[in-house]
Amino acid sequence: MVATVLIGLVALIHMYIVYLEMVSWDTPRGHKAFGLTPDFAKASKVLAANQGLYNGFLAAGLIWGLYLGEAGFQVKTFFLVCVIVAGLYGAATASRKILYIQAIPGALALIALWLGW
């Protein structure tokens, strides 16, 4: 049950990231969330939408795994590992904040899944 809740939370986080990157990137909310200037946000809007699409795939994979229930163990594991790797890469290359928003929640969900919580 704990793993299911944590995986659902990670999926929700990624759905919100999709919204920020695909819809709100070039708005005050997007500027604040990502520390962007209006000029940079405007110039990088298409790239951000592409990034948002990838985060959408992560959320979709986690939701698919949850839908499969017990049979989705490998699907959930795969997508949580993808979330963690993306979070670690983002923390190393873009913002340390990504470690706390993406990688750590993903890691906690993966641990809970593996422990059968």
PDB file of N, CA and C in Angstrom:
ATOM      1  N   MET A   1       0.829  -1.207   0.000  1.00  0.00           N
ATOM      2  CA  MET A   1       0.000   0.000   0.000  1.00  0.00           C
ATOM      3  C   MET A   1       0.861   1.254   0.000  1.00  0.00           C
ATOM      4  N   VAL A   2       1.938   1.271   0.785  1.00  0.00           N
ATOM      5  CA  VAL A   2       2.827   2.433   0.830  1.00  0.00           C
ATOM      6  C   VAL A   2       3.437   2.670  -0.545  1.00  0.00           C
ATOM      7  N   ALA A   3       3.883   1.592  -1.187  1.00  0.00           N
ATOM      8  CA  ALA A   3       4.487   1.716  -2.513  1.00  0.00           C
ATOM      9  C   ALA A   3       3.479   2.285  -3.508  1.00  0.00           C
ATOM     10  N   THR A   4       2.259   1.817  -3.456  1.00  0.00           N
ATOM     11  CA  THR A   4       1.228   2.304  -4.375  1.00  0.00           C
ATOM     12  C   THR A   4       1.002   3.798  -4.194  1.00  0.00           C
ATOM     13  N   VAL A   5       0.926   4.244  -2.963  1.00  0.00           N
ATOM     14  CA  VAL A   5       0.732   5.673  -2.683  1.00  0.00           C
ATOM     15  C   VAL A   5       1.929   6.480  -3.175  1.00  0.00           C
ATOM     16  N   LEU A   6       3.143   6.000  -2.894  1.00  0.00           N
ATOM     17  CA  LEU A   6       4.340   6.730  -3.320  1.00  0.00           C
ATOM     18  C   LEU A   6       4.475   6.760  -4.841  1.00  0.00           C
ATOM     19  N   ILE A   7       4.178   5.650  -5.504  1.00  0.00           N
ATOM     20  CA  ILE A   7       4.229   5.619  -6.967  1.00  0.00           C
ATOM     21  C   ILE A   7       3.185   6.570  -7.539  1.00  0.00           C
ATOM     22  N   GLY A   8       1.993   6.579  -6.952  1.00  0.00           N
ATOM     23  CA  GLY A   8       0.965   7.527  -7.384  1.00  0.00           C
ATOM     24  C   GLY A   8       1.414   8.966  -7.201  1.00  0.00           C
ATOM     25  N   LEU A   9       2.092   9.242  -6.098  1.00  0.00           N
ATOM     26  CA  LEU A   9       2.616  10.584  -5.852  1.00  0.00           C
ATOM     27  C   LEU A   9       3.668  10.964  -6.896  1.00  0.00           C
ATOM     28  N   VAL A  10       4.567  10.043  -7.205  1.00  0.00           N
ATOM     29  CA  VAL A  10       5.587  10.309  -8.228  1.00  0.00           C
ATOM     30  C   VAL A  10       4.918  10.566  -9.582  1.00  0.00           C
ATOM     31  N   ALA A  11       3.892   9.790  -9.909  1.00  0.00           N
ATOM     32  CA  ALA A  11       3.158  10.011 -11.163  1.00  0.00           C
ATOM     33  C   ALA A  11       2.502  11.395 -11.165  1.00  0.00           C
ATOM     34  N   LEU A  12       1.906  11.785 -10.050  1.00  0.00           N
ATOM     35  CA  LEU A  12       1.282  13.118  -9.957  1.00  0.00           C
ATOM     36  C   LEU A  12       2.316  14.234 -10.096  1.00  0.00           C
ATOM     37  N   ILE A  13       3.470  14.053  -9.475  1.00  0.00           N
ATOM     38  CA  ILE A  13       4.548  15.039  -9.605  1.00  0.00           C
ATOM     39  C   ILE A  13       4.908  15.202 -11.078  1.00  0.00           C
ATOM     40  N   HIS A  14       5.015  14.084 -11.790  1.00  0.00           N
ATOM     41  CA  HIS A  14       5.388  14.164 -13.201  1.00  0.00           C
ATOM     42  C   HIS A  14       4.270  14.746 -14.060  1.00  0.00           C
ATOM     43  N   MET A  15       3.041  14.508 -13.691  1.00  0.00           N
ATOM     44  CA  MET A  15       1.938  15.136 -14.427  1.00  0.00           C
ATOM     45  C   MET A  15       1.976  16.654 -14.223  1.00  0.00           C
ATOM     46  N   TYR A  16       2.325  17.080 -13.030  1.00  0.00           N
ATOM     47  CA  TYR A  16       2.447  18.521 -12.769  1.00  0.00           C
ATOM     48  C   TYR A  16       3.622  19.108 -13.538  1.00  0.00           C
ATOM     49  N   ILE A  17       4.724  18.362 -13.608  1.00  0.00           N
ATOM     50  CA  ILE A  17       5.872  18.821 -14.394  1.00  0.00           C
ATOM     51  C   ILE A  17       5.474  18.946 -15.861  1.00  0.00           C
ATOM     52  N   VAL A  18       4.693  17.993 -16.367  1.00  0.00           N
ATOM     53  CA  VAL A  18       4.186  18.085 -17.744  1.00  0.00           C
ATOM     54  C   VAL A  18       3.434  19.398 -17.931  1.00  0.00           C
ATOM     55  N   TYR A  19       2.546  19.693 -16.999  1.00  0.00           N
ATOM     56  CA  TYR A  19       1.778  20.934 -17.077  1.00  0.00           C
ATOM     57  C   TYR A  19       2.707  22.154 -17.089  1.00  0.00           C
ATOM     58  N   LEU A  20       3.674  22.176 -16.183  1.00  0.00           N
ATOM     59  CA  LEU A  20       4.586  23.319 -16.114  1.00  0.00           C
ATOM     60  C   LEU A  20       5.397  23.468 -17.400  1.00  0.00           C
ATOM     61  N   GLU A  21       5.901  22.354 -17.923  1.00  0.00           N
ATOM     62  CA  GLU A  21       6.779  22.432 -19.089  1.00  0.00           C
ATOM     63  C   GLU A  21       6.025  22.627 -20.399  1.00  0.00           C
ATOM     64  N   MET A  22       4.836  22.070 -20.515  1.00  0.00           N
ATOM     65  CA  MET A  22       4.112  22.146 -21.786  1.00  0.00           C
ATOM     66  C   MET A  22       3.106  23.289 -21.853  1.00  0.00           C
ATOM     67  N   VAL A  23       2.585  23.708 -20.712  1.00  0.00           N
ATOM     68  CA  VAL A  23       1.530  24.716 -20.703  1.00  0.00           C
ATOM     69  C   VAL A  23       1.995  26.032 -20.077  1.00  0.00           C
ATOM     70  N   SER A  24       2.718  25.946 -18.967  1.00  0.00           N
ATOM     71  CA  SER A  24       3.042  27.141 -18.184  1.00  0.00           C
ATOM     72  C   SER A  24       4.471  27.640 -18.332  1.00  0.00           C
ATOM     73  N   TRP A  25       5.247  27.051 -19.199  1.00  0.00           N
ATOM     74  CA  TRP A  25       6.657  27.416 -19.334  1.00  0.00           C
ATOM     75  C   TRP A  25       6.850  28.918 -19.524  1.00  0.00           C
ATOM     76  N   ASP A  26       6.073  29.494 -20.406  1.00  0.00           N
ATOM     77  CA  ASP A  26       6.228  30.912 -20.743  1.00  0.00           C
ATOM     78  C   ASP A  26       5.212  31.784 -20.007  1.00  0.00           C
ATOM     79  N   THR A  27       4.987  31.473 -18.731  1.00  0.00           N
ATOM     80  CA  THR A  27       4.085  32.256 -17.889  1.00  0.00           C
ATOM     81  C   THR A  27       4.831  32.583 -16.592  1.00  0.00           C
ATOM     82  N   PRO A  28       4.313  33.508 -15.812  1.00  0.00           N
ATOM     83  CA  PRO A  28       4.973  33.798 -14.531  1.00  0.00           C
ATOM     84  C   PRO A  28       5.150  32.559 -13.643  1.00  0.00           C
ATOM     85  N   ARG A  29       4.175  31.648 -13.648  1.00  0.00           N
ATOM     86  CA  ARG A  29       4.289  30.423 -12.847  1.00  0.00           C
ATOM     87  C   ARG A  29       5.468  29.571 -13.324  1.00  0.00           C
ATOM     88  N   GLY A  30       5.592  29.406 -14.631  1.00  0.00           N
ATOM     89  CA  GLY A  30       6.708  28.649 -15.192  1.00  0.00           C
ATOM     90  C   GLY A  30       8.041  29.330 -14.937  1.00  0.00           C
ATOM     91  N   HIS A  31       8.062  30.654 -15.079  1.00  0.00           N
ATOM     92  CA  HIS A  31       9.292  31.409 -14.814  1.00  0.00           C
ATOM     93  C   HIS A  31       9.751  31.173 -13.378  1.00  0.00           C
ATOM     94  N   LYS A  32       8.805  31.227 -12.446  1.00  0.00           N
ATOM     95  CA  LYS A  32       9.138  31.060 -11.029  1.00  0.00           C
ATOM     96  C   LYS A  32       9.581  29.621 -10.735  1.00  0.00           C
ATOM     97  N   ALA A  33       8.852  28.650 -11.274  1.00  0.00           N
ATOM     98  CA  ALA A  33       9.153  27.243 -11.001  1.00  0.00           C
ATOM     99  C   ALA A  33      10.545  26.842 -11.479  1.00  0.00           C
ATOM    100  N   PHE A  34      10.952  27.397 -12.615  1.00  0.00           N
ATOM    101  CA  PHE A  34      12.211  26.988 -13.214  1.00  0.00           C
ATOM    102  C   PHE A  34      13.286  28.068 -13.179  1.00  0.00           C
ATOM    103  N   GLY A  35      12.990  29.201 -12.547  1.00  0.00           N
ATOM    104  CA  GLY A  35      13.966  30.281 -12.456  1.00  0.00           C
ATOM    105  C   GLY A  35      14.330  30.860 -13.810  1.00  0.00           C
ATOM    106  N   LEU A  36      13.328  31.128 -14.638  1.00  0.00           N
ATOM    107  CA  LEU A  36      13.543  31.573 -16.009  1.00  0.00           C
ATOM    108  C   LEU A  36      13.319  33.074 -16.170  1.00  0.00           C
ATOM    109  N   THR A  37      14.028  33.650 -17.103  1.00  0.00           N
ATOM    110  CA  THR A  37      13.697  35.001 -17.531  1.00  0.00           C
ATOM    111  C   THR A  37      12.646  34.881 -18.628  1.00  0.00           C
ATOM    112  N   PRO A  38      11.823  35.884 -18.808  1.00  0.00           N
ATOM    113  CA  PRO A  38      10.813  35.810 -19.870  1.00  0.00           C
ATOM    114  C   PRO A  38      11.422  35.575 -21.258  1.00  0.00           C
ATOM    115  N   ASP A  39      12.549  36.198 -21.542  1.00  0.00           N
ATOM    116  CA  ASP A  39      13.179  36.014 -22.857  1.00  0.00           C
ATOM    117  C   ASP A  39      13.650  34.574 -23.060  1.00  0.00           C
ATOM    118  N   PHE A  40      14.286  34.007 -22.034  1.00  0.00           N
ATOM    119  CA  PHE A  40      14.756  32.627 -22.154  1.00  0.00           C
ATOM    120  C   PHE A  40      13.569  31.672 -22.281  1.00  0.00           C
ATOM    121  N   ALA A  41      12.522  31.909 -21.504  1.00  0.00           N
ATOM    122  CA  ALA A  41      11.339  31.040 -21.560  1.00  0.00           C
ATOM    123  C   ALA A  41      10.727  31.053 -22.949  1.00  0.00           C
ATOM    124  N   LYS A  42      10.631  32.225 -23.527  1.00  0.00           N
ATOM    125  CA  LYS A  42      10.055  32.333 -24.873  1.00  0.00           C
ATOM    126  C   LYS A  42      10.920  31.598 -25.891  1.00  0.00           C
ATOM    127  N   ALA A  43      12.227  31.763 -25.787  1.00  0.00           N
ATOM    128  CA  ALA A  43      13.153  31.152 -26.749  1.00  0.00           C
ATOM    129  C   ALA A  43      13.225  29.630 -26.595  1.00  0.00           C
ATOM    130  N   SER A  44      12.956  29.116 -25.415  1.00  0.00           N
ATOM    131  CA  SER A  44      13.120  27.681 -25.170  1.00  0.00           C
ATOM    132  C   SER A  44      11.792  26.941 -25.013  1.00  0.00           C
ATOM    133  N   LYS A  45      10.702  27.589 -25.357  1.00  0.00           N
ATOM    134  CA  LYS A  45       9.374  27.014 -25.145  1.00  0.00           C
ATOM    135  C   LYS A  45       9.182  25.656 -25.841  1.00  0.00           C
ATOM    136  N   VAL A  46       9.658  25.521 -27.058  1.00  0.00           N
ATOM    137  CA  VAL A  46       9.499  24.265 -27.799  1.00  0.00           C
ATOM    138  C   VAL A  46      10.327  23.152 -27.152  1.00  0.00           C
ATOM    139  N   LEU A  47      11.529  23.493 -26.719  1.00  0.00           N
ATOM    140  CA  LEU A  47      12.367  22.495 -26.034  1.00  0.00           C
ATOM    141  C   LEU A  47      11.717  22.040 -24.737  1.00  0.00           C
ATOM    142  N   ALA A  48      11.130  22.978 -24.018  1.00  0.00           N
ATOM    143  CA  ALA A  48      10.468  22.639 -22.754  1.00  0.00           C
ATOM    144  C   ALA A  48       9.266  21.724 -22.998  1.00  0.00           C
ATOM    145  N   ALA A  49       8.528  21.982 -24.063  1.00  0.00           N
ATOM    146  CA  ALA A  49       7.378  21.131 -24.381  1.00  0.00           C
ATOM    147  C   ALA A  49       7.845  19.708 -24.682  1.00  0.00           C
ATOM    148  N   ASN A  50       8.967  19.581 -25.366  1.00  0.00           N
ATOM    149  CA  ASN A  50       9.527  18.256 -25.641  1.00  0.00           C
ATOM    150  C   ASN A  50       9.917  17.566 -24.335  1.00  0.00           C
ATOM    151  N   GLN A  51      10.534  18.305 -23.443  1.00  0.00           N
ATOM    152  CA  GLN A  51      10.889  17.785 -22.129  1.00  0.00           C
ATOM    153  C   GLN A  51       9.638  17.348 -21.371  1.00  0.00           C
ATOM    154  N   GLY A  52       8.598  18.144 -21.472  1.00  0.00           N
ATOM    155  CA  GLY A  52       7.334  17.817 -20.814  1.00  0.00           C
ATOM    156  C   GLY A  52       6.734  16.525 -21.334  1.00  0.00           C
ATOM    157  N   LEU A  53       6.879  16.307 -22.621  1.00  0.00           N
ATOM    158  CA  LEU A  53       6.360  15.078 -23.217  1.00  0.00           C
ATOM    159  C   LEU A  53       7.048  13.857 -22.605  1.00  0.00           C
ATOM    160  N   TYR A  54       8.359  13.931 -22.430  1.00  0.00           N
ATOM    161  CA  TYR A  54       9.093  12.822 -21.809  1.00  0.00           C
ATOM    162  C   TYR A  54       8.634  12.594 -20.365  1.00  0.00           C
ATOM    163  N   ASN A  55       8.397  13.667 -19.637  1.00  0.00           N
ATOM    164  CA  ASN A  55       7.879  13.509 -18.279  1.00  0.00           C
ATOM    165  C   ASN A  55       6.487  12.891 -18.298  1.00  0.00           C
ATOM    166  N   GLY A  56       5.727  13.198 -19.330  1.00  0.00           N
ATOM    167  CA  GLY A  56       4.412  12.571 -19.497  1.00  0.00           C
ATOM    168  C   GLY A  56       4.520  11.071 -19.710  1.00  0.00           C
ATOM    169  N   PHE A  57       5.532  10.650 -20.459  1.00  0.00           N
ATOM    170  CA  PHE A  57       5.746   9.217 -20.650  1.00  0.00           C
ATOM    171  C   PHE A  57       6.077   8.529 -19.327  1.00  0.00           C
ATOM    172  N   LEU A  58       6.878   9.205 -18.496  1.00  0.00           N
ATOM    173  CA  LEU A  58       7.202   8.638 -17.182  1.00  0.00           C
ATOM    174  C   LEU A  58       5.933   8.471 -16.348  1.00  0.00           C
ATOM    175  N   ALA A  59       5.103   9.511 -16.322  1.00  0.00           N
ATOM    176  CA  ALA A  59       3.841   9.435 -15.567  1.00  0.00           C
ATOM    177  C   ALA A  59       2.948   8.334 -16.123  1.00  0.00           C
ATOM    178  N   ALA A  60       2.832   8.253 -17.447  1.00  0.00           N
ATOM    179  CA  ALA A  60       1.981   7.234 -18.067  1.00  0.00           C
ATOM    180  C   ALA A  60       2.471   5.829 -17.724  1.00  0.00           C
ATOM    181  N   GLY A  61       3.776   5.633 -17.735  1.00  0.00           N
ATOM    182  CA  GLY A  61       4.321   4.325 -17.399  1.00  0.00           C
ATOM    183  C   GLY A  61       4.036   3.939 -15.962  1.00  0.00           C
ATOM    184  N   LEU A  62       4.159   4.896 -15.060  1.00  0.00           N
ATOM    185  CA  LEU A  62       3.857   4.612 -13.652  1.00  0.00           C
ATOM    186  C   LEU A  62       2.374   4.303 -13.453  1.00  0.00           C
ATOM    187  N   ILE A  63       1.528   5.052 -14.124  1.00  0.00           N
ATOM    188  CA  ILE A  63       0.080   4.803 -14.027  1.00  0.00           C
ATOM    189  C   ILE A  63      -0.264   3.438 -14.615  1.00  0.00           C
ATOM    190  N   TRP A  64       0.370   3.094 -15.718  1.00  0.00           N
ATOM    191  CA  TRP A  64       0.182   1.766 -16.324  1.00  0.00           C
ATOM    192  C   TRP A  64       0.578   0.677 -15.321  1.00  0.00           C
ATOM    193  N   GLY A  65       1.728   0.840 -14.688  1.00  0.00           N
ATOM    194  CA  GLY A  65       2.181  -0.129 -13.695  1.00  0.00           C
ATOM    195  C   GLY A  65       1.202  -0.261 -12.548  1.00  0.00           C
ATOM    196  N   LEU A  66       0.673   0.876 -12.086  1.00  0.00           N
ATOM    197  CA  LEU A  66      -0.328   0.830 -11.007  1.00  0.00           C
ATOM    198  C   LEU A  66      -1.591   0.112 -11.470  1.00  0.00           C
ATOM    199  N   TYR A  67      -2.010   0.377 -12.687  1.00  0.00           N
ATOM    200  CA  TYR A  67      -3.192  -0.273 -13.254  1.00  0.00           C
ATOM    201  C   TYR A  67      -3.025  -1.795 -13.286  1.00  0.00           C
ATOM    202  N   LEU A  68      -1.816  -2.256 -13.579  1.00  0.00           N
ATOM    203  CA  LEU A  68      -1.552  -3.691 -13.666  1.00  0.00           C
ATOM    204  C   LEU A  68      -1.513  -4.369 -12.298  1.00  0.00           C
ATOM    205  N   GLY A  69      -1.410  -3.577 -11.241  1.00  0.00           N
ATOM    206  CA  GLY A  69      -1.375  -4.141  -9.890  1.00  0.00           C
ATOM    207  C   GLY A  69      -0.117  -4.969  -9.660  1.00  0.00           C
ATOM    208  N   GLU A  70      -0.275  -6.131  -9.058  1.00  0.00           N
ATOM    209  CA  GLU A  70       0.863  -7.014  -8.764  1.00  0.00           C
ATOM    210  C   GLU A  70       1.622  -7.389 -10.035  1.00  0.00           C
ATOM    211  N   ALA A  71       0.907  -7.587 -11.118  1.00  0.00           N
ATOM    212  CA  ALA A  71       1.537  -7.970 -12.388  1.00  0.00           C
ATOM    213  C   ALA A  71       2.387  -6.849 -12.966  1.00  0.00           C
ATOM    214  N   GLY A  72       2.249  -5.640 -12.440  1.00  0.00           N
ATOM    215  CA  GLY A  72       2.991  -4.496 -12.948  1.00  0.00           C
ATOM    216  C   GLY A  72       4.290  -4.216 -12.217  1.00  0.00           C
ATOM    217  N   PHE A  73       4.766  -5.162 -11.422  1.00  0.00           N
ATOM    218  CA  PHE A  73       5.987  -4.949 -10.645  1.00  0.00           C
ATOM    219  C   PHE A  73       7.153  -4.513 -11.526  1.00  0.00           C
ATOM    220  N   GLN A  74       7.390  -5.222 -12.607  1.00  0.00           N
ATOM    221  CA  GLN A  74       8.518  -4.893 -13.485  1.00  0.00           C
ATOM    222  C   GLN A  74       8.307  -3.560 -14.199  1.00  0.00           C
ATOM    223  N   VAL A  75       7.088  -3.266 -14.583  1.00  0.00           N
ATOM    224  CA  VAL A  75       6.786  -1.987 -15.240  1.00  0.00           C
ATOM    225  C   VAL A  75       7.045  -0.840 -14.264  1.00  0.00           C
ATOM    226  N   LYS A  76       6.559  -0.984 -13.042  1.00  0.00           N
ATOM    227  CA  LYS A  76       6.781   0.051 -12.022  1.00  0.00           C
ATOM    228  C   LYS A  76       8.266   0.207 -11.733  1.00  0.00           C
ATOM    229  N   THR A  77       8.981  -0.902 -11.627  1.00  0.00           N
ATOM    230  CA  THR A  77      10.422  -0.842 -11.380  1.00  0.00           C
ATOM    231  C   THR A  77      11.125  -0.103 -12.511  1.00  0.00           C
ATOM    232  N   PHE A  78      10.824  -0.468 -13.745  1.00  0.00           N
ATOM    233  CA  PHE A  78      11.472   0.165 -14.896  1.00  0.00           C
ATOM    234  C   PHE A  78      11.243   1.676 -14.902  1.00  0.00           C
ATOM    235  N   PHE A  79       9.994   2.096 -14.753  1.00  0.00           N
ATOM    236  CA  PHE A  79       9.707   3.526 -14.836  1.00  0.00           C
ATOM    237  C   PHE A  79      10.230   4.289 -13.627  1.00  0.00           C
ATOM    238  N   LEU A  80      10.246   3.682 -12.460  1.00  0.00           N
ATOM    239  CA  LEU A  80      10.850   4.349 -11.305  1.00  0.00           C
ATOM    240  C   LEU A  80      12.353   4.517 -11.494  1.00  0.00           C
ATOM    241  N   VAL A  81      13.010   3.514 -12.049  1.00  0.00           N
ATOM    242  CA  VAL A  81      14.443   3.653 -12.338  1.00  0.00           C
ATOM    243  C   VAL A  81      14.659   4.773 -13.350  1.00  0.00           C
ATOM    244  N   CYS A  82      13.807   4.856 -14.365  1.00  0.00           N
ATOM    245  CA  CYS A  82      13.901   5.951 -15.344  1.00  0.00           C
ATOM    246  C   CYS A  82      13.745   7.313 -14.660  1.00  0.00           C
ATOM    247  N   VAL A  83      12.792   7.421 -13.754  1.00  0.00           N
ATOM    248  CA  VAL A  83      12.578   8.656 -12.997  1.00  0.00           C
ATOM    249  C   VAL A  83      13.829   9.016 -12.201  1.00  0.00           C
ATOM    250  N   ILE A  84      14.408   8.037 -11.534  1.00  0.00           N
ATOM    251  CA  ILE A  84      15.596   8.285 -10.713  1.00  0.00           C
ATOM    252  C   ILE A  84      16.767   8.731 -11.585  1.00  0.00           C
ATOM    253  N   VAL A  85      17.002   8.036 -12.684  1.00  0.00           N
ATOM    254  CA  VAL A  85      18.110   8.402 -13.579  1.00  0.00           C
ATOM    255  C   VAL A  85      17.895   9.810 -14.140  1.00  0.00           C
ATOM    256  N   ALA A  86      16.679  10.108 -14.581  1.00  0.00           N
ATOM    257  CA  ALA A  86      16.387  11.450 -15.091  1.00  0.00           C
ATOM    258  C   ALA A  86      16.590  12.500 -14.004  1.00  0.00           C
ATOM    259  N   GLY A  87      16.169  12.191 -12.789  1.00  0.00           N
ATOM    260  CA  GLY A  87      16.338  13.120 -11.677  1.00  0.00           C
ATOM    261  C   GLY A  87      17.794  13.348 -11.326  1.00  0.00           C
ATOM    262  N   LEU A  88      18.587  12.290 -11.332  1.00  0.00           N
ATOM    263  CA  LEU A  88      20.019  12.431 -11.044  1.00  0.00           C
ATOM    264  C   LEU A  88      20.717  13.244 -12.126  1.00  0.00           C
ATOM    265  N   TYR A  89      20.369  12.965 -13.368  1.00  0.00           N
ATOM    266  CA  TYR A  89      20.969  13.714 -14.476  1.00  0.00           C
ATOM    267  C   TYR A  89      20.562  15.187 -14.412  1.00  0.00           C
ATOM    268  N   GLY A  90      19.294  15.423 -14.169  1.00  0.00           N
ATOM    269  CA  GLY A  90      18.815  16.802 -14.056  1.00  0.00           C
ATOM    270  C   GLY A  90      19.461  17.547 -12.902  1.00  0.00           C
ATOM    271  N   ALA A  91      19.640  16.861 -11.783  1.00  0.00           N
ATOM    272  CA  ALA A  91      20.287  17.490 -10.615  1.00  0.00           C
ATOM    273  C   ALA A  91      21.741  17.819 -10.917  1.00  0.00           C
ATOM    274  N   ALA A  92      22.407  16.953 -11.687  1.00  0.00           N
ATOM    275  CA  ALA A  92      23.823  17.177 -12.012  1.00  0.00           C
ATOM    276  C   ALA A  92      24.019  18.245 -13.079  1.00  0.00           C
ATOM    277  N   THR A  93      23.035  18.397 -13.967  1.00  0.00           N
ATOM    278  CA  THR A  93      23.237  19.296 -15.114  1.00  0.00           C
ATOM    279  C   THR A  93      22.388  20.562 -15.104  1.00  0.00           C
ATOM    280  N   ALA A  94      21.260  20.541 -14.408  1.00  0.00           N
ATOM    281  CA  ALA A  94      20.357  21.697 -14.477  1.00  0.00           C
ATOM    282  C   ALA A  94      20.159  22.373 -13.124  1.00  0.00           C
ATOM    283  N   SER A  95      19.645  21.632 -12.153  1.00  0.00           N
ATOM    284  CA  SER A  95      19.336  22.214 -10.848  1.00  0.00           C
ATOM    285  C   SER A  95      19.333  21.132  -9.777  1.00  0.00           C
ATOM    286  N   ARG A  96      20.008  21.401  -8.686  1.00  0.00           N
ATOM    287  CA  ARG A  96      20.052  20.452  -7.565  1.00  0.00           C
ATOM    288  C   ARG A  96      18.653  20.179  -7.027  1.00  0.00           C
ATOM    289  N   LYS A  97      17.743  21.123  -7.202  1.00  0.00           N
ATOM    290  CA  LYS A  97      16.364  20.985  -6.743  1.00  0.00           C
ATOM    291  C   LYS A  97      15.691  19.740  -7.335  1.00  0.00           C
ATOM    292  N   ILE A  98      16.111  19.344  -8.528  1.00  0.00           N
ATOM    293  CA  ILE A  98      15.515  18.186  -9.200  1.00  0.00           C
ATOM    294  C   ILE A  98      15.773  16.905  -8.411  1.00  0.00           C
ATOM    295  N   LEU A  99      16.879  16.861  -7.698  1.00  0.00           N
ATOM    296  CA  LEU A  99      17.183  15.703  -6.862  1.00  0.00           C
ATOM    297  C   LEU A  99      16.065  15.477  -5.845  1.00  0.00           C
ATOM    298  N   TYR A 100      15.596  16.556  -5.242  1.00  0.00           N
ATOM    299  CA  TYR A 100      14.584  16.468  -4.189  1.00  0.00           C
ATOM    300  C   TYR A 100      13.169  16.317  -4.734  1.00  0.00           C
ATOM    301  N   ILE A 101      12.924  16.876  -5.903  1.00  0.00           N
ATOM    302  CA  ILE A 101      11.581  16.839  -6.476  1.00  0.00           C
ATOM    303  C   ILE A 101      11.325  15.549  -7.250  1.00  0.00           C
ATOM    304  N   GLN A 102      12.371  15.006  -7.878  1.00  0.00           N
ATOM    305  CA  GLN A 102      12.187  13.877  -8.771  1.00  0.00           C
ATOM    306  C   GLN A 102      12.915  12.613  -8.290  1.00  0.00           C
ATOM    307  N   ALA A 103      14.211  12.705  -8.083  1.00  0.00           N
ATOM    308  CA  ALA A 103      14.997  11.496  -7.811  1.00  0.00           C
ATOM    309  C   ALA A 103      14.687  10.868  -6.452  1.00  0.00           C
ATOM    310  N   ILE A 104      14.639  11.666  -5.413  1.00  0.00           N
ATOM    311  CA  ILE A 104      14.413  11.101  -4.078  1.00  0.00           C
ATOM    312  C   ILE A 104      13.010  10.499  -3.940  1.00  0.00           C
ATOM    313  N   PRO A 105      11.945  11.191  -4.377  1.00  0.00           N
ATOM    314  CA  PRO A 105      10.633  10.524  -4.315  1.00  0.00           C
ATOM    315  C   PRO A 105      10.602   9.227  -5.129  1.00  0.00           C
ATOM    316  N   GLY A 106      11.249   9.230  -6.295  1.00  0.00           N
ATOM    317  CA  GLY A 106      11.317   8.004  -7.093  1.00  0.00           C
ATOM    318  C   GLY A 106      12.048   6.895  -6.374  1.00  0.00           C
ATOM    319  N   ALA A 107      13.157   7.237  -5.725  1.00  0.00           N
ATOM    320  CA  ALA A 107      13.940   6.241  -4.990  1.00  0.00           C
ATOM    321  C   ALA A 107      13.154   5.685  -3.802  1.00  0.00           C
ATOM    322  N   LEU A 108      12.461   6.552  -3.097  1.00  0.00           N
ATOM    323  CA  LEU A 108      11.647   6.085  -1.961  1.00  0.00           C
ATOM    324  C   LEU A 108      10.533   5.143  -2.430  1.00  0.00           C
ATOM    325  N   ALA A 109       9.912   5.488  -3.547  1.00  0.00           N
ATOM    326  CA  ALA A 109       8.860   4.623  -4.093  1.00  0.00           C
ATOM    327  C   ALA A 109       9.439   3.282  -4.534  1.00  0.00           C
ATOM    328  N   LEU A 110      10.617   3.305  -5.139  1.00  0.00           N
ATOM    329  CA  LEU A 110      11.258   2.064  -5.585  1.00  0.00           C
ATOM    330  C   LEU A 110      11.622   1.177  -4.391  1.00  0.00           C
ATOM    331  N   ILE A 111      12.165   1.769  -3.363  1.00  0.00           N
ATOM    332  CA  ILE A 111      12.499   1.005  -2.155  1.00  0.00           C
ATOM    333  C   ILE A 111      11.237   0.376  -1.552  1.00  0.00           C
ATOM    334  N   ALA A 112      10.187   1.171  -1.455  1.00  0.00           N
ATOM    335  CA  ALA A 112       8.926   0.649  -0.902  1.00  0.00           C
ATOM    336  C   ALA A 112       8.401  -0.502  -1.775  1.00  0.00           C
ATOM    337  N   LEU A 113       8.493  -0.352  -3.084  1.00  0.00           N
ATOM    338  CA  LEU A 113       8.038  -1.402  -3.992  1.00  0.00           C
ATOM    339  C   LEU A 113       8.850  -2.673  -3.776  1.00  0.00           C
ATOM    340  N   TRP A 114      10.158  -2.534  -3.743  1.00  0.00           N
ATOM    341  CA  TRP A 114      11.016  -3.713  -3.579  1.00  0.00           C
ATOM    342  C   TRP A 114      10.844  -4.383  -2.223  1.00  0.00           C
ATOM    343  N   LEU A 115      10.534  -3.601  -1.202  1.00  0.00           N
ATOM    344  CA  LEU A 115      10.329  -4.180   0.129  1.00  0.00           C
ATOM    345  C   LEU A 115       8.924  -4.749   0.322  1.00  0.00           C
ATOM    346  N   GLY A 116       8.078  -4.545  -0.671  1.00  0.00           N
ATOM    347  CA  GLY A 116       6.715  -5.079  -0.615  1.00  0.00           C
ATOM    348  C   GLY A 116       5.798  -4.314   0.321  1.00  0.00           C
ATOM    349  N   TRP A 117       6.131  -3.058   0.540  1.00  0.00           N
ATOM    350  CA  TRP A 117       5.298  -2.239   1.437  1.00  0.00           C
ATOM    351  C   TRP A 117       4.034  -1.856   0.768  1.00  0.00           C
TER     352      TRP A 117
END
